[in-house]
Amino acid sequence: AELSPFIVFIAPTDQGSQTEALQQLQKDSEAIRSQYAHYFDLSLVNNGVDETLKKLQEAFDQACTSPQWVPVSWVY
């Protein structure tokens, strides 16, 4: 089987009033993004579940129909 990784990062919402827990989640998410962003094929902000799922499905559909690049060392 072919391996075609597609890495998606979904960050927490950046809208509205925020609890302390959500602020900490945003801080942690930003740390992850700054460290690993170069690995992400797609980054989304979850400002609404329906909207985020729609964008994720569109990206998945696109990834399934487009050629994907993988390092040659993963193939051989």
PDB file of N, CA and C in Angstrom:
ATOM      1  N   ALA A   1       0.841  -1.187   0.000  1.00  0.00           N
ATOM      2  CA  ALA A   1       0.000   0.000   0.000  1.00  0.00           C
ATOM      3  C   ALA A   1       0.877   1.238   0.000  1.00  0.00           C
ATOM      4  N   GLU A   2       0.391   2.282  -0.624  1.00  0.00           N
ATOM      5  CA  GLU A   2       1.125   3.535  -0.683  1.00  0.00           C
ATOM      6  C   GLU A   2       0.904   4.338   0.584  1.00  0.00           C
ATOM      7  N   LEU A   3       1.961   4.986   1.008  1.00  0.00           N
ATOM      8  CA  LEU A   3       1.894   5.842   2.185  1.00  0.00           C
ATOM      9  C   LEU A   3       1.873   7.289   1.725  1.00  0.00           C
ATOM     10  N   SER A   4       0.832   8.000   2.043  1.00  0.00           N
ATOM     11  CA  SER A   4       0.717   9.410   1.693  1.00  0.00           C
ATOM     12  C   SER A   4       0.303  10.197   2.923  1.00  0.00           C
ATOM     13  N   PRO A   5       1.258  10.520   3.789  1.00  0.00           N
ATOM     14  CA  PRO A   5       0.889  11.245   5.007  1.00  0.00           C
ATOM     15  C   PRO A   5       0.355  12.630   4.684  1.00  0.00           C
ATOM     16  N   PHE A   6      -0.608  13.049   5.439  1.00  0.00           N
ATOM     17  CA  PHE A   6      -1.185  14.390   5.316  1.00  0.00           C
ATOM     18  C   PHE A   6      -1.398  14.875   6.743  1.00  0.00           C
ATOM     19  N   ILE A   7      -0.577  15.812   7.164  1.00  0.00           N
ATOM     20  CA  ILE A   7      -0.562  16.229   8.563  1.00  0.00           C
ATOM     21  C   ILE A   7      -1.329  17.532   8.724  1.00  0.00           C
ATOM     22  N   VAL A   8      -2.339  17.486   9.578  1.00  0.00           N
ATOM     23  CA  VAL A   8      -3.202  18.644   9.820  1.00  0.00           C
ATOM     24  C   VAL A   8      -3.058  19.072  11.273  1.00  0.00           C
ATOM     25  N   PHE A   9      -2.865  20.364  11.457  1.00  0.00           N
ATOM     26  CA  PHE A   9      -2.810  20.950  12.792  1.00  0.00           C
ATOM     27  C   PHE A   9      -4.081  21.760  12.986  1.00  0.00           C
ATOM     28  N   ILE A  10      -4.835  21.471  14.029  1.00  0.00           N
ATOM     29  CA  ILE A  10      -6.064  22.208  14.321  1.00  0.00           C
ATOM     30  C   ILE A  10      -5.858  22.964  15.625  1.00  0.00           C
ATOM     31  N   ALA A  11      -5.796  24.272  15.505  1.00  0.00           N
ATOM     32  CA  ALA A  11      -5.583  25.141  16.660  1.00  0.00           C
ATOM     33  C   ALA A  11      -6.926  25.504  17.283  1.00  0.00           C
ATOM     34  N   PRO A  12      -6.915  25.853  18.555  1.00  0.00           N
ATOM     35  CA  PRO A  12      -8.162  26.267  19.209  1.00  0.00           C
ATOM     36  C   PRO A  12      -8.626  27.620  18.686  1.00  0.00           C
ATOM     37  N   THR A  13      -9.870  27.942  18.955  1.00  0.00           N
ATOM     38  CA  THR A  13     -10.454  29.192  18.491  1.00  0.00           C
ATOM     39  C   THR A  13      -9.644  30.396  18.946  1.00  0.00           C
ATOM     40  N   ASP A  14      -9.686  31.435  18.133  1.00  0.00           N
ATOM     41  CA  ASP A  14      -9.034  32.682  18.504  1.00  0.00           C
ATOM     42  C   ASP A  14     -10.061  33.808  18.635  1.00  0.00           C
ATOM     43  N   GLN A  15     -11.312  33.433  18.780  1.00  0.00           N
ATOM     44  CA  GLN A  15     -12.396  34.411  18.861  1.00  0.00           C
ATOM     45  C   GLN A  15     -13.076  34.369  20.221  1.00  0.00           C
ATOM     46  N   GLY A  16     -13.689  35.479  20.568  1.00  0.00           N
ATOM     47  CA  GLY A  16     -14.533  35.528  21.759  1.00  0.00           C
ATOM     48  C   GLY A  16     -13.770  35.575  23.065  1.00  0.00           C
ATOM     49  N   SER A  17     -14.532  35.614  24.150  1.00  0.00           N
ATOM     50  CA  SER A  17     -13.929  35.616  25.477  1.00  0.00           C
ATOM     51  C   SER A  17     -13.342  34.243  25.757  1.00  0.00           C
ATOM     52  N   GLN A  18     -12.267  34.239  26.516  1.00  0.00           N
ATOM     53  CA  GLN A  18     -11.553  32.995  26.712  1.00  0.00           C
ATOM     54  C   GLN A  18     -11.329  32.711  28.188  1.00  0.00           C
ATOM     55  N   THR A  19     -11.534  31.473  28.536  1.00  0.00           N
ATOM     56  CA  THR A  19     -11.260  31.031  29.895  1.00  0.00           C
ATOM     57  C   THR A  19      -9.749  30.860  30.055  1.00  0.00           C
ATOM     58  N   GLU A  20      -9.332  30.690  31.271  1.00  0.00           N
ATOM     59  CA  GLU A  20      -7.913  30.465  31.538  1.00  0.00           C
ATOM     60  C   GLU A  20      -7.429  29.186  30.855  1.00  0.00           C
ATOM     61  N   ALA A  21      -8.270  28.159  30.866  1.00  0.00           N
ATOM     62  CA  ALA A  21      -7.906  26.888  30.228  1.00  0.00           C
ATOM     63  C   ALA A  21      -7.724  27.066  28.718  1.00  0.00           C
ATOM     64  N   LEU A  22      -8.604  27.840  28.084  1.00  0.00           N
ATOM     65  CA  LEU A  22      -8.493  28.072  26.647  1.00  0.00           C
ATOM     66  C   LEU A  22      -7.263  28.918  26.328  1.00  0.00           C
ATOM     67  N   GLN A  23      -6.962  29.875  27.169  1.00  0.00           N
ATOM     68  CA  GLN A  23      -5.755  30.672  26.966  1.00  0.00           C
ATOM     69  C   GLN A  23      -4.509  29.792  27.051  1.00  0.00           C
ATOM     70  N   GLN A  24      -4.499  28.857  27.995  1.00  0.00           N
ATOM     71  CA  GLN A  24      -3.366  27.936  28.117  1.00  0.00           C
ATOM     72  C   GLN A  24      -3.286  27.021  26.900  1.00  0.00           C
ATOM     73  N   LEU A  25      -4.442  26.563  26.419  1.00  0.00           N
ATOM     74  CA  LEU A  25      -4.477  25.721  25.230  1.00  0.00           C
ATOM     75  C   LEU A  25      -3.917  26.473  24.024  1.00  0.00           C
ATOM     76  N   GLN A  26      -4.276  27.749  23.886  1.00  0.00           N
ATOM     77  CA  GLN A  26      -3.744  28.551  22.787  1.00  0.00           C
ATOM     78  C   GLN A  26      -2.231  28.711  22.903  1.00  0.00           C
ATOM     79  N   LYS A  27      -1.761  28.933  24.107  1.00  0.00           N
ATOM     80  CA  LYS A  27      -0.324  29.068  24.336  1.00  0.00           C
ATOM     81  C   LYS A  27       0.399  27.771  23.966  1.00  0.00           C
ATOM     82  N   ASP A  28      -0.135  26.646  24.407  1.00  0.00           N
ATOM     83  CA  ASP A  28       0.462  25.349  24.083  1.00  0.00           C
ATOM     84  C   ASP A  28       0.410  25.069  22.580  1.00  0.00           C
ATOM     85  N   SER A  29      -0.707  25.423  21.954  1.00  0.00           N
ATOM     86  CA  SER A  29      -0.854  25.214  20.513  1.00  0.00           C
ATOM     87  C   SER A  29       0.154  26.043  19.738  1.00  0.00           C
ATOM     88  N   GLU A  30       0.368  27.267  20.169  1.00  0.00           N
ATOM     89  CA  GLU A  30       1.349  28.123  19.497  1.00  0.00           C
ATOM     90  C   GLU A  30       2.757  27.557  19.649  1.00  0.00           C
ATOM     91  N   ALA A  31       3.055  26.984  20.804  1.00  0.00           N
ATOM     92  CA  ALA A  31       4.364  26.350  21.001  1.00  0.00           C
ATOM     93  C   ALA A  31       4.533  25.165  20.052  1.00  0.00           C
ATOM     94  N   ILE A  32       3.491  24.369  19.905  1.00  0.00           N
ATOM     95  CA  ILE A  32       3.535  23.232  18.975  1.00  0.00           C
ATOM     96  C   ILE A  32       3.701  23.732  17.548  1.00  0.00           C
ATOM     97  N   ARG A  33       2.919  24.746  17.187  1.00  0.00           N
ATOM     98  CA  ARG A  33       2.986  25.290  15.828  1.00  0.00           C
ATOM     99  C   ARG A  33       4.385  25.827  15.526  1.00  0.00           C
ATOM    100  N   SER A  34       4.957  26.580  16.447  1.00  0.00           N
ATOM    101  CA  SER A  34       6.277  27.165  16.189  1.00  0.00           C
ATOM    102  C   SER A  34       7.355  26.091  16.067  1.00  0.00           C
ATOM    103  N   GLN A  35       7.185  24.990  16.757  1.00  0.00           N
ATOM    104  CA  GLN A  35       8.175  23.909  16.731  1.00  0.00           C
ATOM    105  C   GLN A  35       8.012  22.994  15.516  1.00  0.00           C
ATOM    106  N   TYR A  36       6.779  22.731  15.107  1.00  0.00           N
ATOM    107  CA  TYR A  36       6.524  21.691  14.110  1.00  0.00           C
ATOM    108  C   TYR A  36       5.798  22.161  12.850  1.00  0.00           C
ATOM    109  N   ALA A  37       5.603  23.452  12.671  1.00  0.00           N
ATOM    110  CA  ALA A  37       4.816  23.953  11.538  1.00  0.00           C
ATOM    111  C   ALA A  37       5.338  23.471  10.187  1.00  0.00           C
ATOM    112  N   HIS A  38       6.628  23.289  10.077  1.00  0.00           N
ATOM    113  CA  HIS A  38       7.195  22.855   8.798  1.00  0.00           C
ATOM    114  C   HIS A  38       6.757  21.435   8.415  1.00  0.00           C
ATOM    115  N   TYR A  39       6.191  20.694   9.350  1.00  0.00           N
ATOM    116  CA  TYR A  39       5.671  19.356   9.050  1.00  0.00           C
ATOM    117  C   TYR A  39       4.198  19.374   8.626  1.00  0.00           C
ATOM    118  N   PHE A  40       3.500  20.459   8.870  1.00  0.00           N
ATOM    119  CA  PHE A  40       2.061  20.517   8.630  1.00  0.00           C
ATOM    120  C   PHE A  40       1.767  20.746   7.155  1.00  0.00           C
ATOM    121  N   ASP A  41       0.852  19.953   6.621  1.00  0.00           N
ATOM    122  CA  ASP A  41       0.342  20.191   5.278  1.00  0.00           C
ATOM    123  C   ASP A  41      -0.784  21.218   5.315  1.00  0.00           C
ATOM    124  N   LEU A  42      -1.438  21.310   6.458  1.00  0.00           N
ATOM    125  CA  LEU A  42      -2.572  22.221   6.607  1.00  0.00           C
ATOM    126  C   LEU A  42      -2.693  22.632   8.061  1.00  0.00           C
ATOM    127  N   SER A  43      -2.951  23.907   8.278  1.00  0.00           N
ATOM    128  CA  SER A  43      -3.254  24.413   9.620  1.00  0.00           C
ATOM    129  C   SER A  43      -4.641  25.036   9.592  1.00  0.00           C
ATOM    130  N   LEU A  44      -5.454  24.666  10.551  1.00  0.00           N
ATOM    131  CA  LEU A  44      -6.804  25.207  10.672  1.00  0.00           C
ATOM    132  C   LEU A  44      -6.986  25.784  12.066  1.00  0.00           C
ATOM    133  N   VAL A  45      -7.833  26.802  12.162  1.00  0.00           N
ATOM    134  CA  VAL A  45      -8.242  27.332  13.460  1.00  0.00           C
ATOM    135  C   VAL A  45      -9.682  26.906  13.664  1.00  0.00           C
ATOM    136  N   ASN A  46      -9.963  26.255  14.773  1.00  0.00           N
ATOM    137  CA  ASN A  46     -11.294  25.723  15.044  1.00  0.00           C
ATOM    138  C   ASN A  46     -12.208  26.814  15.608  1.00  0.00           C
ATOM    139  N   ASN A  47     -12.710  27.659  14.713  1.00  0.00           N
ATOM    140  CA  ASN A  47     -13.648  28.703  15.124  1.00  0.00           C
ATOM    141  C   ASN A  47     -15.085  28.211  15.079  1.00  0.00           C
ATOM    142  N   GLY A  48     -15.277  27.003  14.634  1.00  0.00           N
ATOM    143  CA  GLY A  48     -16.597  26.378  14.590  1.00  0.00           C
ATOM    144  C   GLY A  48     -16.445  24.963  14.066  1.00  0.00           C
ATOM    145  N   VAL A  49     -17.056  24.015  14.735  1.00  0.00           N
ATOM    146  CA  VAL A  49     -16.868  22.608  14.375  1.00  0.00           C
ATOM    147  C   VAL A  49     -17.307  22.339  12.941  1.00  0.00           C
ATOM    148  N   ASP A  50     -18.474  22.831  12.552  1.00  0.00           N
ATOM    149  CA  ASP A  50     -18.975  22.559  11.199  1.00  0.00           C
ATOM    150  C   ASP A  50     -18.041  23.130  10.137  1.00  0.00           C
ATOM    151  N   GLU A  51     -17.613  24.368  10.335  1.00  0.00           N
ATOM    152  CA  GLU A  51     -16.710  25.015   9.376  1.00  0.00           C
ATOM    153  C   GLU A  51     -15.367  24.286   9.310  1.00  0.00           C
ATOM    154  N   THR A  52     -14.836  23.916  10.463  1.00  0.00           N
ATOM    155  CA  THR A  52     -13.552  23.224  10.515  1.00  0.00           C
ATOM    156  C   THR A  52     -13.643  21.859   9.846  1.00  0.00           C
ATOM    157  N   LEU A  53     -14.705  21.117  10.119  1.00  0.00           N
ATOM    158  CA  LEU A  53     -14.882  19.809   9.480  1.00  0.00           C
ATOM    159  C   LEU A  53     -15.035  19.936   7.973  1.00  0.00           C
ATOM    160  N   LYS A  54     -15.737  20.964   7.524  1.00  0.00           N
ATOM    161  CA  LYS A  54     -15.901  21.186   6.087  1.00  0.00           C
ATOM    162  C   LYS A  54     -14.542  21.441   5.431  1.00  0.00           C
ATOM    163  N   LYS A  55     -13.738  22.306   6.037  1.00  0.00           N
ATOM    164  CA  LYS A  55     -12.408  22.596   5.491  1.00  0.00           C
ATOM    165  C   LYS A  55     -11.518  21.357   5.525  1.00  0.00           C
ATOM    166  N   LEU A  56     -11.618  20.588   6.589  1.00  0.00           N
ATOM    167  CA  LEU A  56     -10.829  19.363   6.709  1.00  0.00           C
ATOM    168  C   LEU A  56     -11.235  18.350   5.640  1.00  0.00           C
ATOM    169  N   GLN A  57     -12.531  18.189   5.418  1.00  0.00           N
ATOM    170  CA  GLN A  57     -13.016  17.265   4.389  1.00  0.00           C
ATOM    171  C   GLN A  57     -12.567  17.711   3.003  1.00  0.00           C
ATOM    172  N   GLU A  58     -12.638  19.016   2.729  1.00  0.00           N
ATOM    173  CA  GLU A  58     -12.193  19.536   1.438  1.00  0.00           C
ATOM    174  C   GLU A  58     -10.700  19.268   1.232  1.00  0.00           C
ATOM    175  N   ALA A  59      -9.913  19.483   2.272  1.00  0.00           N
ATOM    176  CA  ALA A  59      -8.471  19.244   2.179  1.00  0.00           C
ATOM    177  C   ALA A  59      -8.184  17.761   1.980  1.00  0.00           C
ATOM    178  N   PHE A  60      -8.910  16.907   2.683  1.00  0.00           N
ATOM    179  CA  PHE A  60      -8.737  15.463   2.541  1.00  0.00           C
ATOM    180  C   PHE A  60      -9.089  15.019   1.123  1.00  0.00           C
ATOM    181  N   ASP A  61     -10.208  15.512   0.605  1.00  0.00           N
ATOM    182  CA  ASP A  61     -10.607  15.170  -0.759  1.00  0.00           C
ATOM    183  C   ASP A  61      -9.546  15.610  -1.762  1.00  0.00           C
ATOM    184  N   GLN A  62      -9.016  16.813  -1.573  1.00  0.00           N
ATOM    185  CA  GLN A  62      -7.973  17.330  -2.458  1.00  0.00           C
ATOM    186  C   GLN A  62      -6.713  16.470  -2.358  1.00  0.00           C
ATOM    187  N   ALA A  63      -6.345  16.094  -1.148  1.00  0.00           N
ATOM    188  CA  ALA A  63      -5.142  15.281  -0.947  1.00  0.00           C
ATOM    189  C   ALA A  63      -5.284  13.905  -1.596  1.00  0.00           C
ATOM    190  N   CYS A  64      -6.484  13.371  -1.594  1.00  0.00           N
ATOM    191  CA  CYS A  64      -6.710  12.045  -2.179  1.00  0.00           C
ATOM    192  C   CYS A  64      -6.630  12.058  -3.700  1.00  0.00           C
ATOM    193  N   THR A  65      -6.836  13.211  -4.307  1.00  0.00           N
ATOM    194  CA  THR A  65      -6.841  13.297  -5.763  1.00  0.00           C
ATOM    195  C   THR A  65      -5.597  13.970  -6.329  1.00  0.00           C
ATOM    196  N   SER A  66      -4.697  14.425  -5.468  1.00  0.00           N
ATOM    197  CA  SER A  66      -3.475  15.104  -5.907  1.00  0.00           C
ATOM    198  C   SER A  66      -2.258  14.259  -5.556  1.00  0.00           C
ATOM    199  N   PRO A  67      -1.231  14.325  -6.396  1.00  0.00           N
ATOM    200  CA  PRO A  67       0.003  13.611  -6.047  1.00  0.00           C
ATOM    201  C   PRO A  67       0.598  14.185  -4.763  1.00  0.00           C
ATOM    202  N   GLN A  68       1.116  13.316  -3.927  1.00  0.00           N
ATOM    203  CA  GLN A  68       1.720  13.737  -2.662  1.00  0.00           C
ATOM    204  C   GLN A  68       3.212  13.461  -2.705  1.00  0.00           C
ATOM    205  N   TRP A  69       3.982  14.357  -2.140  1.00  0.00           N
ATOM    206  CA  TRP A  69       5.421  14.192  -2.048  1.00  0.00           C
ATOM    207  C   TRP A  69       5.758  13.476  -0.759  1.00  0.00           C
ATOM    208  N   VAL A  70       6.609  12.468  -0.856  1.00  0.00           N
ATOM    209  CA  VAL A  70       7.146  11.805   0.335  1.00  0.00           C
ATOM    210  C   VAL A  70       8.644  11.625   0.129  1.00  0.00           C
ATOM    211  N   PRO A  71       9.429  11.671   1.182  1.00  0.00           N
ATOM    212  CA  PRO A  71      10.872  11.455   1.044  1.00  0.00           C
ATOM    213  C   PRO A  71      11.169  10.083   0.444  1.00  0.00           C
ATOM    214  N   VAL A  72      12.162  10.041  -0.423  1.00  0.00           N
ATOM    215  CA  VAL A  72      12.503   8.782  -1.082  1.00  0.00           C
ATOM    216  C   VAL A  72      12.880   7.706  -0.064  1.00  0.00           C
ATOM    217  N   SER A  73      13.432   8.107   1.068  1.00  0.00           N
ATOM    218  CA  SER A  73      13.810   7.125   2.089  1.00  0.00           C
ATOM    219  C   SER A  73      12.598   6.410   2.679  1.00  0.00           C
ATOM    220  N   TRP A  74      11.415   6.997   2.557  1.00  0.00           N
ATOM    221  CA  TRP A  74      10.203   6.350   3.048  1.00  0.00           C
ATOM    222  C   TRP A  74       9.721   5.266   2.091  1.00  0.00           C
ATOM    223  N   VAL A  75      10.132   5.375   0.842  1.00  0.00           N
ATOM    224  CA  VAL A  75       9.656   4.458  -0.185  1.00  0.00           C
ATOM    225  C   VAL A  75      10.577   3.247  -0.308  1.00  0.00           C
ATOM    226  N   TYR A  76      11.866   3.460  -0.177  1.00  0.00           N
ATOM    227  CA  TYR A  76      12.843   2.377  -0.383  1.00  0.00           C
ATOM    228  C   TYR A  76      13.521   1.992   0.892  1.00  0.00           C
TER     229      TYR A  76
END
